Amino acid sequence: MKELRTYDESIARFGASQRTVRPLLLSWDLFSMHLQKVFGNTADVRQLASMAQQHHWNFNFETVRDLSYDTVIVVTDAQVNIVFATQNVTGMTGYEPSEMIGKSPKMFQGQATSKTTTKTIRSAISNAQPFETTVVNYRKDGTPYDCAIRSYPIFDVKGRLSHFIAFENAA
């Protein structure tokens, strides 16, 4: 991933030398190629790329590592409402992505979900900080599962909080 950092730094230097306000996507182009290899679902990748461009994401994708075909990507807006989920979310949760849009990730919580863990997650979100944890979530049919989550705030090129992106796997 060192190559992505070098790429980001080069693009940032080039952008700073130009008299343009057009935002650069940094490593998104390289990362999206990686996502296509991992997921094979180009519709998901195109939709993520479109969101990144539309919202002028400034996110260092070098922080994302070890993605596998069963990694689910969930994107929320700054108010933590789900705006995107990869198609493979159905295999992990039983929900179709369209059933999740507009809802809070709290929809997956239940009786065995740790209050301490959710408090830690809320604190990280309130402070726009990345977090990594495992939480007991519930599938659509009510069965619990351990969900390993790596979540990151995404800022726009002006430094404003834009979205949160989470990479999730059933643990």
C-alpha atoms as a PDB file:
ATOM      1  CA  MET A   1       0.000   0.000   0.000  1.00  0.00           C
ATOM      2  CA  LYS A   2       3.042   2.243   0.060  1.00  0.00           C
ATOM      3  CA  GLU A   3       2.412   2.802  -3.643  1.00  0.00           C
ATOM      4  CA  LEU A   4      -0.979   4.356  -2.849  1.00  0.00           C
ATOM      5  CA  ARG A   5       0.591   6.773  -0.381  1.00  0.00           C
ATOM      6  CA  THR A   6       3.188   7.792  -2.957  1.00  0.00           C
ATOM      7  CA  TYR A   7       0.422   8.197  -5.527  1.00  0.00           C
ATOM      8  CA  ASP A   8      -1.674  10.316  -3.112  1.00  0.00           C
ATOM      9  CA  GLU A   9       1.270  12.536  -2.265  1.00  0.00           C
ATOM     10  CA  SER A  10       2.166  13.029  -5.930  1.00  0.00           C
ATOM     11  CA  ILE A  11      -1.408  13.894  -6.855  1.00  0.00           C
ATOM     12  CA  ALA A  12      -1.679  16.276  -3.896  1.00  0.00           C
ATOM     13  CA  ARG A  13       1.541  18.063  -4.937  1.00  0.00           C
ATOM     14  CA  PHE A  14       0.323  18.295  -8.524  1.00  0.00           C
ATOM     15  CA  GLY A  15      -3.089  19.588  -7.427  1.00  0.00           C
ATOM     16  CA  ALA A  16      -1.491  22.207  -5.195  1.00  0.00           C
ATOM     17  CA  SER A  17       0.579  23.453  -8.130  1.00  0.00           C
ATOM     18  CA  GLN A  18      -2.505  23.957 -10.317  1.00  0.00           C
ATOM     19  CA  ARG A  19      -4.870  26.887 -10.305  1.00  0.00           C
ATOM     20  CA  THR A  20      -7.962  24.752 -10.079  1.00  0.00           C
ATOM     21  CA  VAL A  21     -10.564  24.001  -7.452  1.00  0.00           C
ATOM     22  CA  ARG A  22     -11.502  20.681  -9.019  1.00  0.00           C
ATOM     23  CA  PRO A  23     -11.086  18.068  -6.269  1.00  0.00           C
ATOM     24  CA  LEU A  24      -8.884  15.057  -6.800  1.00  0.00           C
ATOM     25  CA  LEU A  25      -9.943  11.594  -5.714  1.00  0.00           C
ATOM     26  CA  LEU A  26      -6.483  10.638  -4.536  1.00  0.00           C
ATOM     27  CA  SER A  27      -6.233   6.849  -4.473  1.00  0.00           C
ATOM     28  CA  TRP A  28      -9.829   6.150  -5.404  1.00  0.00           C
ATOM     29  CA  ASP A  29      -8.991   5.098  -8.975  1.00  0.00           C
ATOM     30  CA  LEU A  30      -6.435   2.560  -7.778  1.00  0.00           C
ATOM     31  CA  PHE A  31      -8.644   1.395  -4.921  1.00  0.00           C
ATOM     32  CA  SER A  32     -11.646   0.885  -7.193  1.00  0.00           C
ATOM     33  CA  MET A  33      -9.540  -1.404  -9.410  1.00  0.00           C
ATOM     34  CA  HIS A  34      -8.711  -3.416  -6.282  1.00  0.00           C
ATOM     35  CA  LEU A  35     -12.395  -3.558  -5.311  1.00  0.00           C
ATOM     36  CA  GLN A  36     -13.339  -4.871  -8.749  1.00  0.00           C
ATOM     37  CA  LYS A  37     -10.850  -7.710  -8.327  1.00  0.00           C
ATOM     38  CA  VAL A  38     -12.098  -8.497  -4.812  1.00  0.00           C
ATOM     39  CA  PHE A  39     -15.836  -8.236  -5.400  1.00  0.00           C
ATOM     40  CA  GLY A  40     -16.227  -8.706  -9.112  1.00  0.00           C
ATOM     41  CA  ASN A  41     -19.410  -6.617  -8.812  1.00  0.00           C
ATOM     42  CA  THR A  42     -18.634  -3.638 -10.970  1.00  0.00           C
ATOM     43  CA  ALA A  43     -22.051  -2.061 -10.247  1.00  0.00           C
ATOM     44  CA  ASP A  44     -21.120  -1.688  -6.558  1.00  0.00           C
ATOM     45  CA  VAL A  45     -17.722  -0.272  -7.459  1.00  0.00           C
ATOM     46  CA  ARG A  46     -19.222   2.171  -9.972  1.00  0.00           C
ATOM     47  CA  GLN A  47     -21.746   3.364  -7.403  1.00  0.00           C
ATOM     48  CA  LEU A  48     -19.021   3.902  -4.791  1.00  0.00           C
ATOM     49  CA  ALA A  49     -16.877   5.734  -7.330  1.00  0.00           C
ATOM     50  CA  SER A  50     -19.809   7.939  -8.233  1.00  0.00           C
ATOM     51  CA  MET A  51     -20.425   8.767  -4.566  1.00  0.00           C
ATOM     52  CA  ALA A  52     -16.756   9.547  -4.056  1.00  0.00           C
ATOM     53  CA  GLN A  53     -16.748  11.916  -7.006  1.00  0.00           C
ATOM     54  CA  GLN A  54     -20.102  13.529  -6.233  1.00  0.00           C
ATOM     55  CA  HIS A  55     -19.167  14.259  -2.616  1.00  0.00           C
ATOM     56  CA  HIS A  56     -15.497  15.094  -3.297  1.00  0.00           C
ATOM     57  CA  TRP A  57     -14.222  12.455  -0.896  1.00  0.00           C
ATOM     58  CA  ASN A  58     -10.755  12.963   0.463  1.00  0.00           C
ATOM     59  CA  PHE A  59     -10.008   9.552   1.930  1.00  0.00           C
ATOM     60  CA  ASN A  60      -6.734   7.699   2.209  1.00  0.00           C
ATOM     61  CA  PHE A  61      -7.686   4.227   1.032  1.00  0.00           C
ATOM     62  CA  GLU A  62      -4.303   2.950   2.190  1.00  0.00           C
ATOM     63  CA  THR A  63      -5.964   2.486   5.571  1.00  0.00           C
ATOM     64  CA  VAL A  64      -8.129  -0.256   4.094  1.00  0.00           C
ATOM     65  CA  ARG A  65      -6.430  -3.606   4.041  1.00  0.00           C
ATOM     66  CA  ASP A  66      -7.207  -7.276   3.844  1.00  0.00           C
ATOM     67  CA  LEU A  67     -10.482  -7.037   1.960  1.00  0.00           C
ATOM     68  CA  SER A  68     -11.929 -10.337   0.844  1.00  0.00           C
ATOM     69  CA  TYR A  69     -14.859 -11.355  -1.327  1.00  0.00           C
ATOM     70  CA  ASP A  70     -17.059 -11.601   1.783  1.00  0.00           C
ATOM     71  CA  THR A  71     -16.226  -8.094   3.048  1.00  0.00           C
ATOM     72  CA  VAL A  72     -19.339  -5.958   3.113  1.00  0.00           C
ATOM     73  CA  ILE A  73     -19.034  -2.207   2.583  1.00  0.00           C
ATOM     74  CA  VAL A  74     -21.620   0.042   4.212  1.00  0.00           C
ATOM     75  CA  VAL A  75     -21.589   3.817   3.732  1.00  0.00           C
ATOM     76  CA  THR A  76     -23.578   6.187   5.905  1.00  0.00           C
ATOM     77  CA  ASP A  77     -24.072   9.904   5.594  1.00  0.00           C
ATOM     78  CA  ALA A  78     -22.731  12.242   8.279  1.00  0.00           C
ATOM     79  CA  GLN A  79     -25.954  11.699  10.277  1.00  0.00           C
ATOM     80  CA  VAL A  80     -25.240   7.934  10.244  1.00  0.00           C
ATOM     81  CA  ASN A  81     -28.081   6.916   7.946  1.00  0.00           C
ATOM     82  CA  ILE A  82     -27.186   4.131   5.514  1.00  0.00           C
ATOM     83  CA  VAL A  83     -26.828   5.439   1.958  1.00  0.00           C
ATOM     84  CA  PHE A  84     -25.050   2.469   0.346  1.00  0.00           C
ATOM     85  CA  ALA A  85     -24.314  -1.202   0.965  1.00  0.00           C
ATOM     86  CA  THR A  86     -22.630  -3.696  -1.324  1.00  0.00           C
ATOM     87  CA  GLN A  87     -24.811  -6.442  -2.762  1.00  0.00           C
ATOM     88  CA  ASN A  88     -23.059  -9.099  -0.682  1.00  0.00           C
ATOM     89  CA  VAL A  89     -24.621  -7.617   2.481  1.00  0.00           C
ATOM     90  CA  THR A  90     -27.573  -9.951   1.929  1.00  0.00           C
ATOM     91  CA  GLY A  91     -25.429 -13.025   2.602  1.00  0.00           C
ATOM     92  CA  MET A  92     -24.279 -11.614   5.945  1.00  0.00           C
ATOM     93  CA  THR A  93     -27.476  -9.957   7.198  1.00  0.00           C
ATOM     94  CA  GLY A  94     -30.386 -11.322   5.190  1.00  0.00           C
ATOM     95  CA  TYR A  95     -31.323  -7.762   4.201  1.00  0.00           C
ATOM     96  CA  GLU A  96     -31.244  -6.495   0.638  1.00  0.00           C
ATOM     97  CA  PRO A  97     -29.319  -3.219   0.323  1.00  0.00           C
ATOM     98  CA  SER A  98     -32.548  -1.430  -0.644  1.00  0.00           C
ATOM     99  CA  GLU A  99     -34.107  -2.460   2.697  1.00  0.00           C
ATOM    100  CA  MET A 100     -31.289  -0.731   4.589  1.00  0.00           C
ATOM    101  CA  ILE A 101     -31.141   2.609   2.758  1.00  0.00           C
ATOM    102  CA  GLY A 102     -32.189   5.504   4.976  1.00  0.00           C
ATOM    103  CA  LYS A 103     -31.993   3.462   8.169  1.00  0.00           C
ATOM    104  CA  SER A 104     -29.478   3.572  10.979  1.00  0.00           C
ATOM    105  CA  PRO A 105     -27.034   0.697  11.512  1.00  0.00           C
ATOM    106  CA  LYS A 106     -28.783   0.357  14.882  1.00  0.00           C
ATOM    107  CA  MET A 107     -31.297  -1.751  12.949  1.00  0.00           C
ATOM    108  CA  PHE A 108     -28.883  -4.674  13.422  1.00  0.00           C
ATOM    109  CA  GLN A 109     -28.649  -4.347  17.213  1.00  0.00           C
ATOM    110  CA  GLY A 110     -30.558  -6.473  19.690  1.00  0.00           C
ATOM    111  CA  GLN A 111     -30.616  -7.995  23.129  1.00  0.00           C
ATOM    112  CA  ALA A 112     -27.072  -9.420  23.093  1.00  0.00           C
ATOM    113  CA  THR A 113     -25.512  -6.283  21.585  1.00  0.00           C
ATOM    114  CA  SER A 114     -23.062  -4.871  24.129  1.00  0.00           C
ATOM    115  CA  LYS A 115     -23.993  -1.426  25.454  1.00  0.00           C
ATOM    116  CA  THR A 116     -20.308  -0.807  26.141  1.00  0.00           C
ATOM    117  CA  THR A 117     -19.412  -1.550  22.529  1.00  0.00           C
ATOM    118  CA  THR A 118     -22.201   0.635  21.157  1.00  0.00           C
ATOM    119  CA  LYS A 119     -21.136   3.452  23.484  1.00  0.00           C
ATOM    120  CA  THR A 120     -17.572   3.169  22.134  1.00  0.00           C
ATOM    121  CA  ILE A 121     -18.888   3.245  18.561  1.00  0.00           C
ATOM    122  CA  ARG A 122     -21.084   6.288  19.280  1.00  0.00           C
ATOM    123  CA  SER A 123     -18.136   8.107  20.835  1.00  0.00           C
ATOM    124  CA  ALA A 124     -15.917   7.426  17.802  1.00  0.00           C
ATOM    125  CA  ILE A 125     -18.652   8.595  15.441  1.00  0.00           C
ATOM    126  CA  SER A 126     -19.350  11.735  17.498  1.00  0.00           C
ATOM    127  CA  ASN A 127     -15.658  12.590  17.346  1.00  0.00           C
ATOM    128  CA  ALA A 128     -15.332  11.646  13.651  1.00  0.00           C
ATOM    129  CA  GLN A 129     -12.684   9.067  14.539  1.00  0.00           C
ATOM    130  CA  PRO A 130     -12.005   5.681  12.942  1.00  0.00           C
ATOM    131  CA  PHE A 131     -12.778   2.598  14.996  1.00  0.00           C
ATOM    132  CA  GLU A 132     -12.369  -1.154  14.842  1.00  0.00           C
ATOM    133  CA  THR A 133     -14.488  -3.482  16.938  1.00  0.00           C
ATOM    134  CA  THR A 134     -16.626  -6.591  16.934  1.00  0.00           C
ATOM    135  CA  VAL A 135     -20.287  -6.283  17.834  1.00  0.00           C
ATOM    136  CA  VAL A 136     -23.135  -8.769  18.114  1.00  0.00           C
ATOM    137  CA  ASN A 137     -25.572  -7.937  15.321  1.00  0.00           C
ATOM    138  CA  TYR A 138     -28.787  -9.617  14.247  1.00  0.00           C
ATOM    139  CA  ARG A 139     -29.801 -10.917  10.850  1.00  0.00           C
ATOM    140  CA  LYS A 140     -33.191 -10.257   9.330  1.00  0.00           C
ATOM    141  CA  ASP A 141     -34.372 -13.658  10.613  1.00  0.00           C
ATOM    142  CA  GLY A 142     -33.337 -12.710  14.178  1.00  0.00           C
ATOM    143  CA  THR A 143     -30.247 -14.894  14.475  1.00  0.00           C
ATOM    144  CA  PRO A 144     -27.232 -13.198  16.079  1.00  0.00           C
ATOM    145  CA  TYR A 145     -23.781 -13.040  14.526  1.00  0.00           C
ATOM    146  CA  ASP A 146     -20.483 -11.409  15.443  1.00  0.00           C
ATOM    147  CA  CYS A 147     -19.740  -8.539  13.083  1.00  0.00           C
ATOM    148  CA  ALA A 148     -16.148  -7.304  12.804  1.00  0.00           C
ATOM    149  CA  ILE A 149     -16.282  -3.635  11.777  1.00  0.00           C
ATOM    150  CA  ARG A 150     -13.546  -1.275  10.592  1.00  0.00           C
ATOM    151  CA  SER A 151     -15.069   2.160  10.116  1.00  0.00           C
ATOM    152  CA  TYR A 152     -13.561   5.437   8.978  1.00  0.00           C
ATOM    153  CA  PRO A 153     -14.885   8.964   8.662  1.00  0.00           C
ATOM    154  CA  ILE A 154     -14.661  10.381   5.156  1.00  0.00           C
ATOM    155  CA  PHE A 155     -14.039  14.070   4.716  1.00  0.00           C
ATOM    156  CA  ASP A 156     -14.430  16.185   1.613  1.00  0.00           C
ATOM    157  CA  VAL A 157     -11.548  18.163   0.153  1.00  0.00           C
ATOM    158  CA  LYS A 158     -12.480  21.138   2.356  1.00  0.00           C
ATOM    159  CA  GLY A 159     -12.094  19.011   5.481  1.00  0.00           C
ATOM    160  CA  ARG A 160     -15.815  18.716   6.254  1.00  0.00           C
ATOM    161  CA  LEU A 161     -17.235  15.400   7.421  1.00  0.00           C
ATOM    162  CA  SER A 162     -19.014  13.842   4.453  1.00  0.00           C
ATOM    163  CA  HIS A 163     -19.705  10.167   5.212  1.00  0.00           C
ATOM    164  CA  PHE A 164     -18.587   7.165   7.203  1.00  0.00           C
ATOM    165  CA  ILE A 165     -17.438   3.992   5.455  1.00  0.00           C
ATOM    166  CA  ALA A 166     -17.429   0.629   7.187  1.00  0.00           C
ATOM    167  CA  PHE A 167     -15.788  -2.608   6.090  1.00  0.00           C
ATOM    168  CA  GLU A 168     -17.559  -5.503   7.771  1.00  0.00           C
ATOM    169  CA  ASN A 169     -17.151  -9.253   8.010  1.00  0.00           C
ATOM    170  CA  ALA A 170     -19.042 -11.918   9.913  1.00  0.00           C
ATOM    171  CA  ALA A 171     -16.525 -12.977  12.558  1.00  0.00           C
END
